[in-house]
C-alpha atoms as a PDB file:
ATOM      1  CA  UNK A   1    -133.676 -94.605 112.041  1.00  0.00           C
ATOM      2  CA  UNK A   2    -134.332 -91.952 114.694  1.00  0.00           C
ATOM      3  CA  UNK A   3    -137.573 -90.328 115.806  1.00  0.00           C
ATOM      4  CA  UNK A   4    -137.837 -86.527 115.755  1.00  0.00           C
ATOM      5  CA  UNK A   5    -138.917 -84.785 118.945  1.00  0.00           C
ATOM      6  CA  UNK A   6    -139.768 -81.212 119.713  1.00  0.00           C
ATOM      7  CA  UNK A   7    -142.234 -78.661 118.354  1.00  0.00           C
ATOM      8  CA  UNK A   8    -140.559 -78.032 114.979  1.00  0.00           C
ATOM      9  CA  UNK A   9    -140.577 -81.042 112.623  1.00  0.00           C
ATOM     10  CA  UNK A  10    -138.068 -81.068 109.771  1.00  0.00           C
ATOM     11  CA  UNK A  11    -138.410 -82.388 106.229  1.00  0.00           C
ATOM     12  CA  UNK A  12    -135.631 -82.745 103.694  1.00  0.00           C
ATOM     13  CA  UNK A  13    -131.867 -83.292 103.961  1.00  0.00           C
ATOM     14  CA  UNK A  14    -129.341 -81.405 106.064  1.00  0.00           C
ATOM     15  CA  UNK A  15    -125.798 -82.612 105.566  1.00  0.00           C
ATOM     16  CA  UNK A  16    -125.904 -86.402 105.801  1.00  0.00           C
ATOM     17  CA  UNK A  17    -129.214 -86.535 107.706  1.00  0.00           C
ATOM     18  CA  UNK A  18    -132.573 -86.952 105.925  1.00  0.00           C
ATOM     19  CA  UNK A  19    -135.741 -85.901 107.739  1.00  0.00           C
ATOM     20  CA  UNK A  20    -139.098 -87.314 106.622  1.00  0.00           C
ATOM     21  CA  UNK A  21    -142.662 -88.061 107.741  1.00  0.00           C
ATOM     22  CA  UNK A  22    -144.321 -91.506 107.870  1.00  0.00           C
ATOM     23  CA  UNK A  23    -147.439 -92.960 109.442  1.00  0.00           C
ATOM     24  CA  UNK A  24    -145.272 -93.711 112.483  1.00  0.00           C
ATOM     25  CA  UNK A  25    -144.389 -90.024 112.869  1.00  0.00           C
ATOM     26  CA  UNK A  26    -141.502 -87.732 111.935  1.00  0.00           C
ATOM     27  CA  UNK A  27    -138.263 -89.695 111.514  1.00  0.00           C
ATOM     28  CA  UNK A  28    -134.632 -89.063 110.612  1.00  0.00           C
ATOM     29  CA  UNK A  29    -131.944 -91.274 109.141  1.00  0.00           C
ATOM     30  CA  UNK A  30    -128.381 -90.980 107.932  1.00  0.00           C
ATOM     31  CA  UNK A  31    -127.996 -90.409 104.219  1.00  0.00           C
ATOM     32  CA  UNK A  32    -126.161 -93.214 102.486  1.00  0.00           C
ATOM     33  CA  UNK A  33    -126.354 -96.067 100.027  1.00  0.00           C
ATOM     34  CA  UNK A  34    -124.426 -97.624  97.162  1.00  0.00           C
ATOM     35  CA  UNK A  35    -123.904 -95.890  93.837  1.00  0.00           C
ATOM     36  CA  UNK A  36    -126.582 -96.929  91.315  1.00  0.00           C
ATOM     37  CA  UNK A  37    -124.074 -97.531  88.514  1.00  0.00           C
ATOM     38  CA  UNK A  38    -122.252-100.062  90.680  1.00  0.00           C
ATOM     39  CA  UNK A  39    -125.468-101.927  91.443  1.00  0.00           C
ATOM     40  CA  UNK A  40    -126.271-101.994  87.712  1.00  0.00           C
ATOM     41  CA  UNK A  41    -122.956-103.520  86.633  1.00  0.00           C
ATOM     42  CA  UNK A  42    -121.015-105.073  89.517  1.00  0.00           C
ATOM     43  CA  UNK A  43    -121.237-108.923  89.496  1.00  0.00           C
ATOM     44  CA  UNK A  44    -121.450-108.789  93.291  1.00  0.00           C
ATOM     45  CA  UNK A  45    -124.911-107.274  92.935  1.00  0.00           C
ATOM     46  CA  UNK A  46    -126.330-109.842  90.510  1.00  0.00           C
ATOM     47  CA  UNK A  47    -128.816-111.112  93.118  1.00  0.00           C
ATOM     48  CA  UNK A  48    -129.838-107.518  93.854  1.00  0.00           C
ATOM     49  CA  UNK A  49    -130.530-106.850  90.175  1.00  0.00           C
ATOM     50  CA  UNK A  50    -132.603-110.026  89.934  1.00  0.00           C
ATOM     51  CA  UNK A  51    -134.606-109.133  93.030  1.00  0.00           C
ATOM     52  CA  UNK A  52    -135.193-105.597  91.780  1.00  0.00           C
ATOM     53  CA  UNK A  53    -136.414-106.857  88.408  1.00  0.00           C
ATOM     54  CA  UNK A  54    -138.910-109.204  90.023  1.00  0.00           C
ATOM     55  CA  UNK A  55    -140.031-106.624  92.571  1.00  0.00           C
ATOM     56  CA  UNK A  56    -140.677-104.161  89.748  1.00  0.00           C
ATOM     57  CA  UNK A  57    -142.640-106.820  87.885  1.00  0.00           C
ATOM     58  CA  UNK A  58    -144.687-107.466  91.037  1.00  0.00           C
ATOM     59  CA  UNK A  59    -145.402-103.751  91.391  1.00  0.00           C
ATOM     60  CA  UNK A  60    -146.678-103.507  87.817  1.00  0.00           C
ATOM     61  CA  UNK A  61    -148.837-106.610  88.243  1.00  0.00           C
ATOM     62  CA  UNK A  62    -150.338-105.214  91.432  1.00  0.00           C
ATOM     63  CA  UNK A  63    -151.088-101.916  89.719  1.00  0.00           C
ATOM     64  CA  UNK A  64    -152.857-103.706  86.849  1.00  0.00           C
ATOM     65  CA  UNK A  65    -155.019-105.658  89.295  1.00  0.00           C
ATOM     66  CA  UNK A  66    -155.832-102.513  91.279  1.00  0.00           C
ATOM     67  CA  UNK A  67    -156.759-100.638  88.115  1.00  0.00           C
ATOM     68  CA  UNK A  68    -159.046-103.467  87.019  1.00  0.00           C
ATOM     69  CA  UNK A  69    -160.865-103.360  90.376  1.00  0.00           C
ATOM     70  CA  UNK A  70    -160.666 -99.594  90.801  1.00  0.00           C
ATOM     71  CA  UNK A  71    -164.435 -99.036  90.933  1.00  0.00           C
ATOM     72  CA  UNK A  72    -164.741-101.361  93.924  1.00  0.00           C
ATOM     73  CA  UNK A  73    -161.508-100.234  95.575  1.00  0.00           C
ATOM     74  CA  UNK A  74    -162.544 -96.578  95.703  1.00  0.00           C
ATOM     75  CA  UNK A  75    -164.534 -97.416  98.843  1.00  0.00           C
ATOM     76  CA  UNK A  76    -162.850-100.624 100.003  1.00  0.00           C
ATOM     77  CA  UNK A  77    -159.095-100.265 100.561  1.00  0.00           C
ATOM     78  CA  UNK A  78    -156.755 -99.305 103.388  1.00  0.00           C
ATOM     79  CA  UNK A  79    -153.772 -96.985 103.134  1.00  0.00           C
ATOM     80  CA  UNK A  80    -151.230 -99.832 103.054  1.00  0.00           C
ATOM     81  CA  UNK A  81    -153.037-102.027 100.553  1.00  0.00           C
ATOM     82  CA  UNK A  82    -150.644-101.219  97.694  1.00  0.00           C
ATOM     83  CA  UNK A  83    -147.614-102.433  99.629  1.00  0.00           C
ATOM     84  CA  UNK A  84    -149.394-105.543 100.882  1.00  0.00           C
ATOM     85  CA  UNK A  85    -150.545-106.422  97.368  1.00  0.00           C
ATOM     86  CA  UNK A  86    -147.034-105.959  95.977  1.00  0.00           C
ATOM     87  CA  UNK A  87    -145.673-108.335  98.634  1.00  0.00           C
ATOM     88  CA  UNK A  88    -148.346-110.874  97.695  1.00  0.00           C
ATOM     89  CA  UNK A  89    -147.402-110.528  94.015  1.00  0.00           C
ATOM     90  CA  UNK A  90    -143.737-111.135  94.875  1.00  0.00           C
ATOM     91  CA  UNK A  91    -144.743-114.490  96.390  1.00  0.00           C
ATOM     92  CA  UNK A  92    -146.695-115.318  93.227  1.00  0.00           C
ATOM     93  CA  UNK A  93    -143.647-114.554  91.085  1.00  0.00           C
ATOM     94  CA  UNK A  94    -141.296-116.489  93.369  1.00  0.00           C
ATOM     95  CA  UNK A  95    -143.504-119.564  92.830  1.00  0.00           C
ATOM     96  CA  UNK A  96    -142.562-119.552  89.107  1.00  0.00           C
ATOM     97  CA  UNK A  97    -140.749-122.853  88.528  1.00  0.00           C
ATOM     98  CA  UNK A  98    -140.220-122.264  84.793  1.00  0.00           C
ATOM     99  CA  UNK A  99    -137.989-119.209  84.451  1.00  0.00           C
ATOM    100  CA  UNK A 100    -134.633-118.275  85.964  1.00  0.00           C
ATOM    101  CA  UNK A 101    -134.296-115.830  88.843  1.00  0.00           C
ATOM    102  CA  UNK A 102    -134.819-112.298  87.636  1.00  0.00           C
ATOM    103  CA  UNK A 103    -137.063-113.506  84.796  1.00  0.00           C
ATOM    104  CA  UNK A 104    -139.840-115.080  86.869  1.00  0.00           C
ATOM    105  CA  UNK A 105    -143.318-113.642  86.319  1.00  0.00           C
ATOM    106  CA  UNK A 106    -146.966-113.797  87.388  1.00  0.00           C
ATOM    107  CA  UNK A 107    -148.143-115.860  84.396  1.00  0.00           C
ATOM    108  CA  UNK A 108    -145.727-118.706  85.142  1.00  0.00           C
ATOM    109  CA  UNK A 109    -146.124-118.260  88.895  1.00  0.00           C
ATOM    110  CA  UNK A 110    -149.017-119.275  91.129  1.00  0.00           C
ATOM    111  CA  UNK A 111    -151.716-116.603  90.825  1.00  0.00           C
ATOM    112  CA  UNK A 112    -153.898-118.793  93.067  1.00  0.00           C
ATOM    113  CA  UNK A 113    -151.751-117.613  95.990  1.00  0.00           C
ATOM    114  CA  UNK A 114    -153.738-114.353  95.792  1.00  0.00           C
ATOM    115  CA  UNK A 115    -156.959-116.119  96.806  1.00  0.00           C
ATOM    116  CA  UNK A 116    -158.056-114.754 100.169  1.00  0.00           C
ATOM    117  CA  UNK A 117    -156.253-111.417  99.743  1.00  0.00           C
ATOM    118  CA  UNK A 118    -158.046-108.725 101.760  1.00  0.00           C
ATOM    119  CA  UNK A 119    -157.953-105.239 100.263  1.00  0.00           C
ATOM    120  CA  UNK A 120    -159.061-103.524 103.480  1.00  0.00           C
ATOM    121  CA  UNK A 121    -157.251-104.499 106.682  1.00  0.00           C
ATOM    122  CA  UNK A 122    -159.628-102.289 108.684  1.00  0.00           C
ATOM    123  CA  UNK A 123    -162.628-104.343 107.590  1.00  0.00           C
ATOM    124  CA  UNK A 124    -161.952-107.881 106.385  1.00  0.00           C
ATOM    125  CA  UNK A 125    -164.487-109.945 104.488  1.00  0.00           C
ATOM    126  CA  UNK A 126    -163.534-112.992 106.532  1.00  0.00           C
ATOM    127  CA  UNK A 127    -164.631-111.296 109.759  1.00  0.00           C
ATOM    128  CA  UNK A 128    -167.583-109.369 108.305  1.00  0.00           C
ATOM    129  CA  UNK A 129    -169.625-111.639 106.034  1.00  0.00           C
ATOM    130  CA  UNK A 130    -170.673-114.938 107.639  1.00  0.00           C
ATOM    131  CA  UNK A 131    -173.418-115.844 105.172  1.00  0.00           C
ATOM    132  CA  UNK A 132    -172.289-118.922 103.193  1.00  0.00           C
ATOM    133  CA  UNK A 133    -171.458-118.137  99.572  1.00  0.00           C
ATOM    134  CA  UNK A 134    -170.249-120.064  96.561  1.00  0.00           C
ATOM    135  CA  UNK A 135    -167.879-118.511  94.067  1.00  0.00           C
ATOM    136  CA  UNK A 136    -167.372-120.095  90.660  1.00  0.00           C
ATOM    137  CA  UNK A 137    -165.056-119.327  87.753  1.00  0.00           C
ATOM    138  CA  UNK A 138    -166.094-120.966  84.473  1.00  0.00           C
ATOM    139  CA  UNK A 139    -163.203-120.341  82.085  1.00  0.00           C
ATOM    140  CA  UNK A 140    -164.996-121.860  79.084  1.00  0.00           C
ATOM    141  CA  UNK A 141    -168.051-119.586  79.306  1.00  0.00           C
ATOM    142  CA  UNK A 142    -166.291-116.603  80.880  1.00  0.00           C
ATOM    143  CA  UNK A 143    -168.870-116.516  83.685  1.00  0.00           C
ATOM    144  CA  UNK A 144    -167.498-115.518  87.092  1.00  0.00           C
ATOM    145  CA  UNK A 145    -170.314-115.930  89.594  1.00  0.00           C
ATOM    146  CA  UNK A 146    -171.124-115.712  93.274  1.00  0.00           C
ATOM    147  CA  UNK A 147    -174.252-117.116  94.920  1.00  0.00           C
ATOM    148  CA  UNK A 148    -175.619-116.499  98.408  1.00  0.00           C
ATOM    149  CA  UNK A 149    -178.706-118.235  99.751  1.00  0.00           C
ATOM    150  CA  UNK A 150    -181.232-116.158 101.709  1.00  0.00           C
ATOM    151  CA  UNK A 151    -179.785-114.995 105.041  1.00  0.00           C
ATOM    152  CA  UNK A 152    -180.559-112.721 108.007  1.00  0.00           C
ATOM    153  CA  UNK A 153    -178.321-109.650 107.675  1.00  0.00           C
ATOM    154  CA  UNK A 154    -178.397-108.858 111.388  1.00  0.00           C
ATOM    155  CA  UNK A 155    -177.013-112.315 112.155  1.00  0.00           C
ATOM    156  CA  UNK A 156    -174.729-112.935 109.189  1.00  0.00           C
ATOM    157  CA  UNK A 157    -173.074-109.541 108.623  1.00  0.00           C
ATOM    158  CA  UNK A 158    -170.906-108.078 111.377  1.00  0.00           C
ATOM    159  CA  UNK A 159    -171.437-104.424 110.490  1.00  0.00           C
ATOM    160  CA  UNK A 160    -169.689-101.435 112.103  1.00  0.00           C
ATOM    161  CA  UNK A 161    -171.539 -99.217 114.558  1.00  0.00           C
ATOM    162  CA  UNK A 162    -173.884 -96.809 112.782  1.00  0.00           C
ATOM    163  CA  UNK A 163    -174.779 -99.167 109.927  1.00  0.00           C
ATOM    164  CA  UNK A 164    -178.427 -99.168 108.857  1.00  0.00           C
ATOM    165  CA  UNK A 165    -178.099-100.633 105.351  1.00  0.00           C
ATOM    166  CA  UNK A 166    -175.671-102.562 103.159  1.00  0.00           C
ATOM    167  CA  UNK A 167    -175.168-104.024  99.710  1.00  0.00           C
ATOM    168  CA  UNK A 168    -173.226-106.972  98.339  1.00  0.00           C
ATOM    169  CA  UNK A 169    -170.784-106.217  95.527  1.00  0.00           C
ATOM    170  CA  UNK A 170    -168.690-108.461  93.301  1.00  0.00           C
ATOM    171  CA  UNK A 171    -166.480-108.299  90.232  1.00  0.00           C
ATOM    172  CA  UNK A 172    -164.967-110.727  87.768  1.00  0.00           C
ATOM    173  CA  UNK A 173    -161.648-109.773  86.215  1.00  0.00           C
ATOM    174  CA  UNK A 174    -159.598-111.261  83.371  1.00  0.00           C
ATOM    175  CA  UNK A 175    -156.082-109.855  83.531  1.00  0.00           C
ATOM    176  CA  UNK A 176    -153.238-110.033  81.018  1.00  0.00           C
ATOM    177  CA  UNK A 177    -150.306-109.081  83.242  1.00  0.00           C
ATOM    178  CA  UNK A 178    -147.787-109.073  80.398  1.00  0.00           C
ATOM    179  CA  UNK A 179    -149.765-106.585  78.285  1.00  0.00           C
ATOM    180  CA  UNK A 180    -151.115-104.801  81.403  1.00  0.00           C
ATOM    181  CA  UNK A 181    -154.671-105.054  80.035  1.00  0.00           C
ATOM    182  CA  UNK A 182    -157.862-106.440  81.520  1.00  0.00           C
ATOM    183  CA  UNK A 183    -161.547-107.183  81.066  1.00  0.00           C
ATOM    184  CA  UNK A 184    -163.738-106.611  84.108  1.00  0.00           C
ATOM    185  CA  UNK A 185    -167.438-106.798  84.949  1.00  0.00           C
ATOM    186  CA  UNK A 186    -169.094-105.984  88.267  1.00  0.00           C
ATOM    187  CA  UNK A 187    -172.423-106.486  90.014  1.00  0.00           C
ATOM    188  CA  UNK A 188    -174.191-105.148  93.087  1.00  0.00           C
ATOM    189  CA  UNK A 189    -177.414-105.658  94.952  1.00  0.00           C
ATOM    190  CA  UNK A 190    -179.811-102.889  95.802  1.00  0.00           C
ATOM    191  CA  UNK A 191    -179.142-101.165  99.132  1.00  0.00           C
ATOM    192  CA  UNK A 192    -180.706-103.528 101.667  1.00  0.00           C
ATOM    193  CA  UNK A 193    -181.709-102.986 105.326  1.00  0.00           C
ATOM    194  CA  UNK A 194    -179.326-104.358 107.911  1.00  0.00           C
ATOM    195  CA  UNK A 195    -181.899-105.993 110.147  1.00  0.00           C
ATOM    196  CA  UNK A 196    -183.540-109.360 110.788  1.00  0.00           C
ATOM    197  CA  UNK A 197    -185.458-109.406 107.500  1.00  0.00           C
ATOM    198  CA  UNK A 198    -184.348-112.371 105.343  1.00  0.00           C
ATOM    199  CA  UNK A 199    -182.773-111.350 102.046  1.00  0.00           C
ATOM    200  CA  UNK A 200    -183.737-112.891  98.753  1.00  0.00           C
ATOM    201  CA  UNK A 201    -181.202-115.307  97.284  1.00  0.00           C
ATOM    202  CA  UNK A 202    -178.354-113.332  95.692  1.00  0.00           C
ATOM    203  CA  UNK A 203    -176.946-114.495  92.351  1.00  0.00           C
ATOM    204  CA  UNK A 204    -174.353-112.312  90.616  1.00  0.00           C
ATOM    205  CA  UNK A 205    -172.771-113.192  87.270  1.00  0.00           C
ATOM    206  CA  UNK A 206    -169.822-111.200  85.918  1.00  0.00           C
ATOM    207  CA  UNK A 207    -168.941-111.991  82.309  1.00  0.00           C
ATOM    208  CA  UNK A 208    -165.407-111.855  80.880  1.00  0.00           C
ATOM    209  CA  UNK A 209    -163.979-113.386  77.676  1.00  0.00           C
ATOM    210  CA  UNK A 210    -164.912-117.031  77.028  1.00  0.00           C
ATOM    211  CA  UNK A 211    -161.938-119.423  76.864  1.00  0.00           C
ATOM    212  CA  UNK A 212    -159.567-116.773  78.161  1.00  0.00           C
ATOM    213  CA  UNK A 213    -155.906-117.731  78.562  1.00  0.00           C
ATOM    214  CA  UNK A 214    -155.320-115.093  81.252  1.00  0.00           C
ATOM    215  CA  UNK A 215    -155.651-115.393  85.045  1.00  0.00           C
ATOM    216  CA  UNK A 216    -159.237-114.882  86.266  1.00  0.00           C
ATOM    217  CA  UNK A 217    -160.304-113.340  89.571  1.00  0.00           C
ATOM    218  CA  UNK A 218    -163.504-113.100  91.606  1.00  0.00           C
ATOM    219  CA  UNK A 219    -163.703-110.275  94.139  1.00  0.00           C
ATOM    220  CA  UNK A 220    -166.503-110.097  96.720  1.00  0.00           C
ATOM    221  CA  UNK A 221    -167.306-107.330  99.154  1.00  0.00           C
ATOM    222  CA  UNK A 222    -169.817-105.483 101.293  1.00  0.00           C
ATOM    223  CA  UNK A 223    -170.554-101.754 101.382  1.00  0.00           C
ATOM    224  CA  UNK A 224    -172.136-100.197 104.479  1.00  0.00           C
ATOM    225  CA  UNK A 225    -174.549 -97.284 104.579  1.00  0.00           C
ATOM    226  CA  UNK A 226    -176.244 -95.081 107.143  1.00  0.00           C
ATOM    227  CA  UNK A 227    -179.701 -93.675 106.504  1.00  0.00           C
ATOM    228  CA  UNK A 228    -180.163 -90.073 107.634  1.00  0.00           C
ATOM    229  CA  UNK A 229    -183.445 -88.260 106.955  1.00  0.00           C
ATOM    230  CA  UNK A 230    -184.333 -90.687 104.196  1.00  0.00           C
ATOM    231  CA  UNK A 231    -180.986 -90.432 102.388  1.00  0.00           C
ATOM    232  CA  UNK A 232    -178.270 -93.094 102.207  1.00  0.00           C
ATOM    233  CA  UNK A 233    -174.696 -92.126 103.043  1.00  0.00           C
ATOM    234  CA  UNK A 234    -171.620 -94.386 102.768  1.00  0.00           C
ATOM    235  CA  UNK A 235    -170.753 -95.234 106.356  1.00  0.00           C
ATOM    236  CA  UNK A 236    -167.615 -93.346 107.384  1.00  0.00           C
ATOM    237  CA  UNK A 237    -166.784 -92.852 103.691  1.00  0.00           C
ATOM    238  CA  UNK A 238    -166.368 -96.591 103.230  1.00  0.00           C
ATOM    239  CA  UNK A 239    -163.532 -96.893 105.753  1.00  0.00           C
ATOM    240  CA  UNK A 240    -164.697-100.336 106.926  1.00  0.00           C
ATOM    241  CA  UNK A 241    -166.036-101.814 103.694  1.00  0.00           C
ATOM    242  CA  UNK A 242    -164.541-105.305 103.182  1.00  0.00           C
ATOM    243  CA  UNK A 243    -163.385-106.570  99.784  1.00  0.00           C
ATOM    244  CA  UNK A 244    -161.418-109.743  99.081  1.00  0.00           C
ATOM    245  CA  UNK A 245    -160.344-112.056  96.281  1.00  0.00           C
ATOM    246  CA  UNK A 246    -162.400-115.176  96.969  1.00  0.00           C
ATOM    247  CA  UNK A 247    -161.581-117.187  93.840  1.00  0.00           C
ATOM    248  CA  UNK A 248    -158.543-117.134  91.531  1.00  0.00           C
ATOM    249  CA  UNK A 249    -157.900-119.249  88.449  1.00  0.00           C
ATOM    250  CA  UNK A 250    -154.392-119.074  87.018  1.00  0.00           C
ATOM    251  CA  UNK A 251    -153.206-121.165  84.074  1.00  0.00           C
END
């Protein structure tokens, strides 16, 4: 991999050199690789085929989870979240002790490994919300809840500069990764002042299917706002809004 210099930046392929743009800048690399038909059939690439199958399965699982939480993620995700989530899903699949390599999946893996996943690296829940909370997943009733006792926002929320208000958001998701389907419910508080006024106790219940046999997830986050002339605006278009998976129940 080489870095392009100079005023004119190239994109595309010239001869055996491919020019492209990334977040690290304009780069260039030598064109190459192994023929796809050989990878698909050569016994020497059996491990590669197995890894590709599981990586593809991880990508689909990550997409299903992102789609389920799309409403919350619109304002609470960083540009590299998709790749980070796929890597996390690969670890879930690799924890499958039932199926052979290449056939491992999320259902037989350890979905609980996703607990603590932060969707926004620029604003993490773990370094933003210090108010104690309790998350609960009741599989029998389908109730996915989060409870926060009264707290002082100015002390217990580390908000970015410019914040005047905030709200607490949550979602419960029931996800069938094999069928790529889901049931999701979400909750949010009113927009509250970010000051030293104690909040009321916050109790949010998100209902999914009772007695579900699919993995269940509880996501919790904070959205920041700035009041200007009596109107509320998402702070910096939500760039620093934290959102994380705080509870996960696999099977």
